Amino acid sequence: MSAENINKKKGWISFRVKPEEYDKIHQHLNSTTHRKLSEYARKVLLNKPVTVKYRNQTADEVLSAMIFLKNELNSIGKNFN
């Protein structure tokens, strides 16, 4: 068998969901590292591990403050020269 045939997808699975179910599925999808719904659904349906993004809001706030301070120090240094 060639490598092309090994990675080829074999069939389609499709089903309908209610609008609120669709929204909930996309909320779960957006909290993961997957870009496509098909990747996420394949992992969930095959009971494989799904990587979920975790954001530390405190670290994000500190990072934004540090970027602001870096820009201020940069502008002060330019004026000093």
N, C-alpha and C. Protein backbone atom coordinates (compact mmCIF):
# COMPACT_ATOMS: atom_id res chain seq x y z
N MET A 1 0.83 -1.19 0.00
CA MET A 1 0.00 0.00 0.00
C MET A 1 0.86 1.25 0.00
N SER A 2 0.45 2.21 -0.74
CA SER A 2 1.19 3.46 -0.76
C SER A 2 0.79 4.33 0.42
N ALA A 3 1.62 5.30 0.74
CA ALA A 3 1.34 6.21 1.85
C ALA A 3 0.09 7.03 1.59
N GLU A 4 -0.20 7.27 0.33
CA GLU A 4 -1.39 8.06 -0.03
C GLU A 4 -2.67 7.33 0.37
N ASN A 5 -2.74 6.04 0.17
CA ASN A 5 -3.93 5.26 0.49
C ASN A 5 -4.12 5.08 1.99
N ILE A 6 -3.05 5.09 2.75
CA ILE A 6 -3.14 4.89 4.20
C ILE A 6 -3.85 6.07 4.86
N ASN A 7 -3.52 7.30 4.44
CA ASN A 7 -4.09 8.50 5.07
C ASN A 7 -5.41 8.93 4.47
N LYS A 8 -5.89 8.24 3.46
CA LYS A 8 -7.12 8.62 2.80
C LYS A 8 -8.33 8.30 3.68
N LYS A 9 -9.24 9.23 3.79
CA LYS A 9 -10.46 9.02 4.58
C LYS A 9 -11.42 8.14 3.81
N LYS A 10 -12.13 7.27 4.51
CA LYS A 10 -12.93 6.28 3.82
C LYS A 10 -14.40 6.66 3.66
N GLY A 11 -15.00 7.31 4.63
CA GLY A 11 -16.43 7.57 4.52
C GLY A 11 -16.86 8.85 5.21
N TRP A 12 -18.12 9.17 5.03
CA TRP A 12 -18.72 10.36 5.61
C TRP A 12 -19.66 9.96 6.73
N ILE A 13 -19.68 10.75 7.79
CA ILE A 13 -20.67 10.62 8.85
C ILE A 13 -21.28 12.00 9.02
N SER A 14 -22.59 12.09 8.89
CA SER A 14 -23.23 13.38 9.08
C SER A 14 -24.49 13.18 9.91
N PHE A 15 -24.80 14.18 10.70
CA PHE A 15 -26.02 14.13 11.51
C PHE A 15 -26.47 15.55 11.80
N ARG A 16 -27.71 15.67 12.13
CA ARG A 16 -28.30 16.98 12.41
C ARG A 16 -28.37 17.21 13.91
N VAL A 17 -28.20 18.47 14.30
CA VAL A 17 -28.31 18.86 15.70
C VAL A 17 -29.18 20.11 15.80
N LYS A 18 -29.71 20.32 16.98
CA LYS A 18 -30.51 21.52 17.25
C LYS A 18 -29.57 22.72 17.31
N PRO A 19 -30.10 23.92 17.08
CA PRO A 19 -29.24 25.12 17.11
C PRO A 19 -28.51 25.29 18.44
N GLU A 20 -29.16 25.02 19.56
CA GLU A 20 -28.49 25.17 20.86
C GLU A 20 -27.40 24.11 21.04
N GLU A 21 -27.61 22.91 20.48
CA GLU A 21 -26.58 21.87 20.53
C GLU A 21 -25.38 22.27 19.65
N TYR A 22 -25.68 22.84 18.51
CA TYR A 22 -24.63 23.30 17.59
C TYR A 22 -23.78 24.37 18.27
N ASP A 23 -24.43 25.32 18.95
CA ASP A 23 -23.70 26.37 19.66
C ASP A 23 -22.83 25.79 20.76
N LYS A 24 -23.36 24.82 21.48
CA LYS A 24 -22.60 24.20 22.56
C LYS A 24 -21.39 23.43 22.03
N ILE A 25 -21.57 22.73 20.92
CA ILE A 25 -20.46 22.01 20.30
C ILE A 25 -19.36 22.99 19.88
N HIS A 26 -19.75 24.12 19.30
CA HIS A 26 -18.76 25.10 18.87
C HIS A 26 -18.09 25.80 20.06
N GLN A 27 -18.79 25.95 21.17
CA GLN A 27 -18.16 26.49 22.37
C GLN A 27 -17.07 25.54 22.86
N HIS A 28 -17.38 24.25 22.86
CA HIS A 28 -16.38 23.26 23.25
C HIS A 28 -15.22 23.25 22.26
N LEU A 29 -15.51 23.35 20.99
CA LEU A 29 -14.47 23.37 19.96
C LEU A 29 -13.55 24.57 20.15
N ASN A 30 -14.12 25.74 20.45
CA ASN A 30 -13.31 26.95 20.61
C ASN A 30 -12.42 26.90 21.84
N SER A 31 -12.74 26.04 22.81
CA SER A 31 -11.91 25.93 24.01
C SER A 31 -10.79 24.92 23.82
N THR A 32 -10.66 24.33 22.64
CA THR A 32 -9.61 23.35 22.38
C THR A 32 -8.58 23.92 21.42
N THR A 33 -7.58 23.11 21.13
CA THR A 33 -6.53 23.53 20.20
C THR A 33 -6.84 23.15 18.76
N HIS A 34 -7.96 22.48 18.53
CA HIS A 34 -8.32 22.04 17.18
C HIS A 34 -8.87 23.21 16.37
N ARG A 35 -8.51 23.25 15.09
CA ARG A 35 -8.98 24.31 14.21
C ARG A 35 -10.26 23.94 13.48
N LYS A 36 -10.46 22.66 13.25
CA LYS A 36 -11.61 22.22 12.46
C LYS A 36 -12.53 21.35 13.31
N LEU A 37 -13.82 21.48 13.05
CA LEU A 37 -14.82 20.69 13.76
C LEU A 37 -14.61 19.21 13.50
N SER A 38 -14.21 18.84 12.29
CA SER A 38 -14.03 17.42 11.98
C SER A 38 -12.91 16.80 12.82
N GLU A 39 -11.82 17.53 13.03
CA GLU A 39 -10.74 17.02 13.88
C GLU A 39 -11.24 16.79 15.30
N TYR A 40 -11.94 17.79 15.82
CA TYR A 40 -12.46 17.70 17.19
C TYR A 40 -13.46 16.55 17.32
N ALA A 41 -14.40 16.44 16.40
CA ALA A 41 -15.41 15.40 16.46
C ALA A 41 -14.78 14.01 16.35
N ARG A 42 -13.80 13.87 15.48
CA ARG A 42 -13.13 12.58 15.31
C ARG A 42 -12.48 12.14 16.63
N LYS A 43 -11.81 13.08 17.31
CA LYS A 43 -11.15 12.74 18.57
C LYS A 43 -12.17 12.38 19.65
N VAL A 44 -13.26 13.14 19.73
CA VAL A 44 -14.26 12.88 20.75
C VAL A 44 -14.95 11.55 20.49
N LEU A 45 -15.33 11.29 19.25
CA LEU A 45 -16.05 10.06 18.92
C LEU A 45 -15.19 8.81 19.08
N LEU A 46 -13.89 8.95 18.90
CA LEU A 46 -13.00 7.80 19.04
C LEU A 46 -12.37 7.71 20.43
N ASN A 47 -12.87 8.51 21.37
CA ASN A 47 -12.40 8.52 22.77
C ASN A 47 -10.90 8.77 22.88
N LYS A 48 -10.39 9.65 22.04
CA LYS A 48 -8.99 10.04 22.11
C LYS A 48 -8.89 11.32 22.94
N PRO A 49 -7.72 11.59 23.51
CA PRO A 49 -7.60 12.80 24.34
C PRO A 49 -7.71 14.08 23.51
N VAL A 50 -8.39 15.06 24.07
CA VAL A 50 -8.58 16.36 23.43
C VAL A 50 -7.84 17.39 24.26
N THR A 51 -6.96 18.16 23.63
CA THR A 51 -6.20 19.18 24.33
C THR A 51 -7.04 20.45 24.45
N VAL A 52 -7.22 20.89 25.69
CA VAL A 52 -8.03 22.08 25.96
C VAL A 52 -7.10 23.23 26.29
N LYS A 53 -7.39 24.39 25.72
CA LYS A 53 -6.60 25.59 26.00
C LYS A 53 -6.92 26.07 27.40
N TYR A 54 -5.90 26.50 28.10
CA TYR A 54 -6.08 27.06 29.43
C TYR A 54 -5.39 28.41 29.45
N ARG A 55 -6.14 29.45 29.80
CA ARG A 55 -5.58 30.79 29.82
C ARG A 55 -5.59 31.31 31.25
N ASN A 56 -4.47 31.84 31.64
CA ASN A 56 -4.34 32.43 32.96
C ASN A 56 -4.55 33.93 32.79
N GLN A 57 -5.68 34.43 33.25
CA GLN A 57 -6.03 35.83 33.03
C GLN A 57 -5.07 36.77 33.75
N THR A 58 -4.58 36.38 34.93
CA THR A 58 -3.65 37.21 35.66
C THR A 58 -2.36 37.39 34.87
N ALA A 59 -1.86 36.30 34.30
CA ALA A 59 -0.64 36.38 33.50
C ALA A 59 -0.86 37.25 32.26
N ASP A 60 -2.04 37.19 31.67
CA ASP A 60 -2.34 38.03 30.51
C ASP A 60 -2.33 39.51 30.89
N GLU A 61 -2.86 39.84 32.06
CA GLU A 61 -2.89 41.22 32.52
C GLU A 61 -1.48 41.73 32.80
N VAL A 62 -0.66 40.88 33.44
CA VAL A 62 0.72 41.25 33.73
C VAL A 62 1.48 41.46 32.42
N LEU A 63 1.27 40.59 31.46
CA LEU A 63 1.96 40.70 30.17
C LEU A 63 1.59 42.00 29.46
N SER A 64 0.31 42.37 29.48
CA SER A 64 -0.10 43.61 28.82
C SER A 64 0.50 44.82 29.53
N ALA A 65 0.59 44.79 30.87
CA ALA A 65 1.21 45.89 31.61
C ALA A 65 2.71 45.99 31.29
N MET A 66 3.37 44.84 31.18
CA MET A 66 4.80 44.83 30.87
C MET A 66 5.07 45.37 29.46
N ILE A 67 4.20 45.04 28.52
CA ILE A 67 4.36 45.55 27.16
C ILE A 67 4.20 47.07 27.15
N PHE A 68 3.22 47.57 27.92
CA PHE A 68 3.02 49.02 28.02
C PHE A 68 4.26 49.69 28.60
N LEU A 69 4.82 49.11 29.68
CA LEU A 69 6.01 49.67 30.30
C LEU A 69 7.22 49.63 29.35
N LYS A 70 7.35 48.55 28.59
CA LYS A 70 8.44 48.44 27.62
C LYS A 70 8.35 49.55 26.58
N ASN A 71 7.14 49.79 26.10
CA ASN A 71 6.95 50.85 25.10
C ASN A 71 7.25 52.23 25.69
N GLU A 72 6.85 52.45 26.94
CA GLU A 72 7.12 53.73 27.59
C GLU A 72 8.62 53.93 27.77
N LEU A 73 9.32 52.89 28.25
CA LEU A 73 10.77 53.00 28.44
C LEU A 73 11.48 53.21 27.11
N ASN A 74 10.98 52.58 26.07
CA ASN A 74 11.57 52.75 24.75
C ASN A 74 11.43 54.20 24.27
N SER A 75 10.26 54.78 24.48
CA SER A 75 10.06 56.16 24.06
C SER A 75 10.87 57.13 24.92
N ILE A 76 11.01 56.84 26.20
CA ILE A 76 11.84 57.70 27.08
C ILE A 76 13.29 57.64 26.63
N GLY A 77 13.76 56.44 26.29
CA GLY A 77 15.14 56.27 25.83
C GLY A 77 15.38 57.03 24.53
N LYS A 78 14.42 57.03 23.63
CA LYS A 78 14.58 57.77 22.38
C LYS A 78 14.65 59.27 22.63
N ASN A 79 13.83 59.77 23.56
CA ASN A 79 13.85 61.21 23.88
C ASN A 79 15.13 61.59 24.61
N PHE A 80 15.67 60.68 25.42
CA PHE A 80 16.89 60.97 26.17
C PHE A 80 18.08 61.13 25.25
N ASN A 81 18.13 60.33 24.18
CA ASN A 81 19.24 60.44 23.24
C ASN A 81 19.09 61.72 22.44
